[in-house]
């Protein structure tokens, strides 16, 4: 079977809405989890919302 690449989890900065790619964390079973960045590269904000929750976060 062909390898299927994982989708990168994305995080949105709560302060400036810049999107960041999560940092892949390798799991023992060969999969990945995704960690948000420690700070936003644009505004240095430290609060992030996962992309899939961003719309509900701003209602």
PDB file of N, CA and C in Angstrom:
ATOM      1  N   UNK A   1       0.846  -1.168   0.000  1.00  0.00           N
ATOM      2  CA  UNK A   1       0.000   0.000   0.000  1.00  0.00           C
ATOM      3  C   UNK A   1       0.899   1.241   0.000  1.00  0.00           C
ATOM      4  N   UNK A   2       0.502   2.249  -0.717  1.00  0.00           N
ATOM      5  CA  UNK A   2       1.280   3.488  -0.804  1.00  0.00           C
ATOM      6  C   UNK A   2       1.176   4.280   0.495  1.00  0.00           C
ATOM      7  N   UNK A   3       2.228   5.006   0.766  1.00  0.00           N
ATOM      8  CA  UNK A   3       2.247   5.874   1.943  1.00  0.00           C
ATOM      9  C   UNK A   3       1.305   7.051   1.734  1.00  0.00           C
ATOM     10  N   UNK A   4       0.490   7.336   2.736  1.00  0.00           N
ATOM     11  CA  UNK A   4      -0.416   8.483   2.675  1.00  0.00           C
ATOM     12  C   UNK A   4       0.107   9.521   3.662  1.00  0.00           C
ATOM     13  N   UNK A   5       0.513  10.685   3.181  1.00  0.00           N
ATOM     14  CA  UNK A   5       1.056  11.692   4.099  1.00  0.00           C
ATOM     15  C   UNK A   5      -0.014  12.214   5.055  1.00  0.00           C
ATOM     16  N   UNK A   6       0.410  12.523   6.260  1.00  0.00           N
ATOM     17  CA  UNK A   6      -0.495  13.102   7.244  1.00  0.00           C
ATOM     18  C   UNK A   6      -0.716  14.574   6.941  1.00  0.00           C
ATOM     19  N   UNK A   7      -1.884  15.074   7.280  1.00  0.00           N
ATOM     20  CA  UNK A   7      -2.137  16.508   7.170  1.00  0.00           C
ATOM     21  C   UNK A   7      -1.548  17.207   8.382  1.00  0.00           C
ATOM     22  N   UNK A   8      -0.912  18.327   8.141  1.00  0.00           N
ATOM     23  CA  UNK A   8      -0.329  19.117   9.224  1.00  0.00           C
ATOM     24  C   UNK A   8      -1.444  19.835   9.961  1.00  0.00           C
ATOM     25  N   UNK A   9      -1.436  19.757  11.277  1.00  0.00           N
ATOM     26  CA  UNK A   9      -2.419  20.491  12.066  1.00  0.00           C
ATOM     27  C   UNK A   9      -1.977  21.953  12.108  1.00  0.00           C
ATOM     28  N   UNK A  10      -2.929  22.845  11.920  1.00  0.00           N
ATOM     29  CA  UNK A  10      -2.630  24.269  11.908  1.00  0.00           C
ATOM     30  C   UNK A  10      -3.255  24.952  13.121  1.00  0.00           C
ATOM     31  N   UNK A  11      -2.601  26.015  13.575  1.00  0.00           N
ATOM     32  CA  UNK A  11      -3.059  26.790  14.715  1.00  0.00           C
ATOM     33  C   UNK A  11      -3.136  28.261  14.327  1.00  0.00           C
ATOM     34  N   UNK A  12      -4.164  28.959  14.816  1.00  0.00           N
ATOM     35  CA  UNK A  12      -4.361  30.373  14.515  1.00  0.00           C
ATOM     36  C   UNK A  12      -4.042  31.182  15.772  1.00  0.00           C
ATOM     37  N   UNK A  13      -3.220  32.209  15.621  1.00  0.00           N
ATOM     38  CA  UNK A  13      -2.882  33.083  16.742  1.00  0.00           C
ATOM     39  C   UNK A  13      -4.136  33.855  17.150  1.00  0.00           C
ATOM     40  N   UNK A  14      -4.480  33.832  18.418  1.00  0.00           N
ATOM     41  CA  UNK A  14      -5.670  34.534  18.913  1.00  0.00           C
ATOM     42  C   UNK A  14      -5.521  36.050  18.837  1.00  0.00           C
ATOM     43  N   UNK A  15      -4.295  36.538  18.806  1.00  0.00           N
ATOM     44  CA  UNK A  15      -4.071  37.985  18.804  1.00  0.00           C
ATOM     45  C   UNK A  15      -4.112  38.593  17.410  1.00  0.00           C
ATOM     46  N   UNK A  16      -3.471  37.945  16.426  1.00  0.00           N
ATOM     47  CA  UNK A  16      -3.337  38.575  15.109  1.00  0.00           C
ATOM     48  C   UNK A  16      -3.859  37.721  13.952  1.00  0.00           C
ATOM     49  N   UNK A  17      -4.348  36.509  14.242  1.00  0.00           N
ATOM     50  CA  UNK A  17      -4.935  35.598  13.254  1.00  0.00           C
ATOM     51  C   UNK A  17      -3.954  35.033  12.235  1.00  0.00           C
ATOM     52  N   UNK A  18      -2.654  35.089  12.498  1.00  0.00           N
ATOM     53  CA  UNK A  18      -1.664  34.457  11.626  1.00  0.00           C
ATOM     54  C   UNK A  18      -1.745  32.942  11.850  1.00  0.00           C
ATOM     55  N   UNK A  19      -1.675  32.179  10.756  1.00  0.00           N
ATOM     56  CA  UNK A  19      -1.751  30.719  10.823  1.00  0.00           C
ATOM     57  C   UNK A  19      -0.345  30.135  10.919  1.00  0.00           C
ATOM     58  N   UNK A  20      -0.174  29.193  11.827  1.00  0.00           N
ATOM     59  CA  UNK A  20       1.107  28.516  12.036  1.00  0.00           C
ATOM     60  C   UNK A  20       0.926  27.017  11.857  1.00  0.00           C
ATOM     61  N   UNK A  21       1.907  26.364  11.273  1.00  0.00           N
ATOM     62  CA  UNK A  21       1.923  24.906  11.192  1.00  0.00           C
ATOM     63  C   UNK A  21       2.358  24.365  12.551  1.00  0.00           C
ATOM     64  N   UNK A  22       1.707  23.295  12.975  1.00  0.00           N
ATOM     65  CA  UNK A  22       2.095  22.668  14.230  1.00  0.00           C
ATOM     66  C   UNK A  22       3.430  21.962  14.096  1.00  0.00           C
ATOM     67  N   UNK A  23       4.088  21.769  15.213  1.00  0.00           N
ATOM     68  CA  UNK A  23       5.353  21.034  15.255  1.00  0.00           C
ATOM     69  C   UNK A  23       5.028  19.555  15.420  1.00  0.00           C
ATOM     70  N   UNK A  24       5.521  18.693  14.512  1.00  0.00           N
ATOM     71  CA  UNK A  24       5.213  17.270  14.638  1.00  0.00           C
ATOM     72  C   UNK A  24       5.961  16.632  15.809  1.00  0.00           C
ATOM     73  N   UNK A  25       5.228  15.880  16.592  1.00  0.00           N
ATOM     74  CA  UNK A  25       5.804  15.120  17.702  1.00  0.00           C
ATOM     75  C   UNK A  25       5.642  13.652  17.336  1.00  0.00           C
ATOM     76  N   UNK A  26       6.738  12.941  17.177  1.00  0.00           N
ATOM     77  CA  UNK A  26       6.711  11.539  16.754  1.00  0.00           C
ATOM     78  C   UNK A  26       6.246  10.649  17.904  1.00  0.00           C
ATOM     79  N   UNK A  27       5.267   9.810  17.620  1.00  0.00           N
ATOM     80  CA  UNK A  27       4.733   8.865  18.592  1.00  0.00           C
ATOM     81  C   UNK A  27       5.394   7.504  18.401  1.00  0.00           C
ATOM     82  N   UNK A  28       5.342   6.666  19.416  1.00  0.00           N
ATOM     83  CA  UNK A  28       5.973   5.340  19.367  1.00  0.00           C
ATOM     84  C   UNK A  28       5.374   4.452  18.281  1.00  0.00           C
ATOM     85  N   UNK A  29       4.096   4.653  17.938  1.00  0.00           N
ATOM     86  CA  UNK A  29       3.453   3.800  16.941  1.00  0.00           C
ATOM     87  C   UNK A  29       3.682   4.277  15.505  1.00  0.00           C
ATOM     88  N   UNK A  30       4.547   5.287  15.325  1.00  0.00           N
ATOM     89  CA  UNK A  30       4.875   5.772  13.992  1.00  0.00           C
ATOM     90  C   UNK A  30       4.006   6.916  13.501  1.00  0.00           C
ATOM     91  N   UNK A  31       3.019   7.315  14.283  1.00  0.00           N
ATOM     92  CA  UNK A  31       2.168   8.440  13.895  1.00  0.00           C
ATOM     93  C   UNK A  31       2.731   9.718  14.517  1.00  0.00           C
ATOM     94  N   UNK A  32       2.017  10.824  14.319  1.00  0.00           N
ATOM     95  CA  UNK A  32       2.441  12.105  14.875  1.00  0.00           C
ATOM     96  C   UNK A  32       1.294  12.751  15.639  1.00  0.00           C
ATOM     97  N   UNK A  33       1.644  13.527  16.614  1.00  0.00           N
ATOM     98  CA  UNK A  33       0.705  14.479  17.196  1.00  0.00           C
ATOM     99  C   UNK A  33       1.288  15.843  16.836  1.00  0.00           C
ATOM    100  N   UNK A  34       0.509  16.882  17.005  1.00  0.00           N
ATOM    101  CA  UNK A  34       0.952  18.213  16.583  1.00  0.00           C
ATOM    102  C   UNK A  34       0.879  19.161  17.761  1.00  0.00           C
ATOM    103  N   UNK A  35       1.952  19.900  17.973  1.00  0.00           N
ATOM    104  CA  UNK A  35       2.049  20.837  19.086  1.00  0.00           C
ATOM    105  C   UNK A  35       2.044  22.271  18.551  1.00  0.00           C
ATOM    106  N   UNK A  36       1.286  23.140  19.216  1.00  0.00           N
ATOM    107  CA  UNK A  36       1.265  24.546  18.790  1.00  0.00           C
ATOM    108  C   UNK A  36       2.610  25.199  19.089  1.00  0.00           C
ATOM    109  N   UNK A  37       2.946  26.273  18.384  1.00  0.00           N
ATOM    110  CA  UNK A  37       4.225  26.942  18.642  1.00  0.00           C
ATOM    111  C   UNK A  37       4.213  27.620  20.017  1.00  0.00           C
ATOM    112  N   UNK A  38       5.376  27.867  20.587  1.00  0.00           N
ATOM    113  CA  UNK A  38       5.428  28.532  21.891  1.00  0.00           C
ATOM    114  C   UNK A  38       4.996  29.996  21.821  1.00  0.00           C
ATOM    115  N   UNK A  39       5.209  30.647  20.669  1.00  0.00           N
ATOM    116  CA  UNK A  39       4.831  32.057  20.501  1.00  0.00           C
ATOM    117  C   UNK A  39       4.630  32.334  19.014  1.00  0.00           C
ATOM    118  N   UNK A  40       3.802  33.311  18.715  1.00  0.00           N
ATOM    119  CA  UNK A  40       3.534  33.713  17.336  1.00  0.00           C
ATOM    120  C   UNK A  40       4.761  34.415  16.761  1.00  0.00           C
ATOM    121  N   UNK A  41       5.124  34.056  15.555  1.00  0.00           N
ATOM    122  CA  UNK A  41       6.257  34.680  14.893  1.00  0.00           C
ATOM    123  C   UNK A  41       5.974  36.104  14.435  1.00  0.00           C
ATOM    124  N   UNK A  42       4.701  36.491  14.354  1.00  0.00           N
ATOM    125  CA  UNK A  42       4.346  37.830  13.887  1.00  0.00           C
ATOM    126  C   UNK A  42       4.174  38.820  15.034  1.00  0.00           C
ATOM    127  N   UNK A  43       3.450  38.405  16.087  1.00  0.00           N
ATOM    128  CA  UNK A  43       3.128  39.372  17.156  1.00  0.00           C
ATOM    129  C   UNK A  43       3.612  38.931  18.537  1.00  0.00           C
ATOM    130  N   UNK A  44       4.216  37.736  18.612  1.00  0.00           N
ATOM    131  CA  UNK A  44       4.708  37.150  19.854  1.00  0.00           C
ATOM    132  C   UNK A  44       3.599  36.755  20.830  1.00  0.00           C
ATOM    133  N   UNK A  45       2.341  36.693  20.330  1.00  0.00           N
ATOM    134  CA  UNK A  45       1.236  36.211  21.159  1.00  0.00           C
ATOM    135  C   UNK A  45       1.468  34.762  21.549  1.00  0.00           C
ATOM    136  N   UNK A  46       0.881  34.350  22.653  1.00  0.00           N
ATOM    137  CA  UNK A  46       1.103  32.999  23.152  1.00  0.00           C
ATOM    138  C   UNK A  46      -0.159  32.153  23.212  1.00  0.00           C
ATOM    139  N   UNK A  47      -1.285  32.674  22.696  1.00  0.00           N
ATOM    140  CA  UNK A  47      -2.528  31.916  22.706  1.00  0.00           C
ATOM    141  C   UNK A  47      -2.903  31.537  21.283  1.00  0.00           C
ATOM    142  N   UNK A  48      -3.188  30.243  21.079  1.00  0.00           N
ATOM    143  CA  UNK A  48      -3.517  29.717  19.764  1.00  0.00           C
ATOM    144  C   UNK A  48      -4.808  28.914  19.835  1.00  0.00           C
ATOM    145  N   UNK A  49      -5.496  28.869  18.710  1.00  0.00           N
ATOM    146  CA  UNK A  49      -6.710  28.081  18.568  1.00  0.00           C
ATOM    147  C   UNK A  49      -6.469  27.112  17.410  1.00  0.00           C
ATOM    148  N   UNK A  50      -6.777  25.816  17.590  1.00  0.00           N
ATOM    149  CA  UNK A  50      -6.646  24.902  16.454  1.00  0.00           C
ATOM    150  C   UNK A  50      -7.514  25.390  15.292  1.00  0.00           C
ATOM    151  N   UNK A  51      -7.015  25.263  14.068  1.00  0.00           N
ATOM    152  CA  UNK A  51      -7.716  25.766  12.881  1.00  0.00           C
ATOM    153  C   UNK A  51      -9.161  25.282  12.825  1.00  0.00           C
ATOM    154  N   UNK A  52      -9.402  24.011  13.154  1.00  0.00           N
ATOM    155  CA  UNK A  52     -10.754  23.466  13.044  1.00  0.00           C
ATOM    156  C   UNK A  52     -11.724  24.068  14.067  1.00  0.00           C
ATOM    157  N   UNK A  53     -11.220  24.763  15.083  1.00  0.00           N
ATOM    158  CA  UNK A  53     -12.073  25.412  16.085  1.00  0.00           C
ATOM    159  C   UNK A  53     -12.100  26.927  15.941  1.00  0.00           C
ATOM    160  N   UNK A  54     -11.338  27.470  15.017  1.00  0.00           N
ATOM    161  CA  UNK A  54     -11.177  28.916  14.906  1.00  0.00           C
ATOM    162  C   UNK A  54     -12.482  29.661  14.618  1.00  0.00           C
ATOM    163  N   UNK A  55     -13.313  29.155  13.699  1.00  0.00           N
ATOM    164  CA  UNK A  55     -14.561  29.824  13.358  1.00  0.00           C
ATOM    165  C   UNK A  55     -15.453  29.932  14.582  1.00  0.00           C
ATOM    166  N   UNK A  56     -15.618  28.868  15.323  1.00  0.00           N
ATOM    167  CA  UNK A  56     -16.468  28.888  16.531  1.00  0.00           C
ATOM    168  C   UNK A  56     -15.859  29.784  17.611  1.00  0.00           C
ATOM    169  N   UNK A  57     -14.554  29.878  17.641  1.00  0.00           N
ATOM    170  CA  UNK A  57     -13.851  30.684  18.635  1.00  0.00           C
ATOM    171  C   UNK A  57     -14.167  32.173  18.457  1.00  0.00           C
ATOM    172  N   UNK A  58     -14.410  32.625  17.206  1.00  0.00           N
ATOM    173  CA  UNK A  58     -14.634  34.027  16.924  1.00  0.00           C
ATOM    174  C   UNK A  58     -16.087  34.414  16.767  1.00  0.00           C
ATOM    175  N   UNK A  59     -17.024  33.534  17.139  1.00  0.00           N
ATOM    176  CA  UNK A  59     -18.453  33.875  17.043  1.00  0.00           C
ATOM    177  C   UNK A  59     -18.863  34.810  18.133  1.00  0.00           C
TER     178      UNK A  59
END
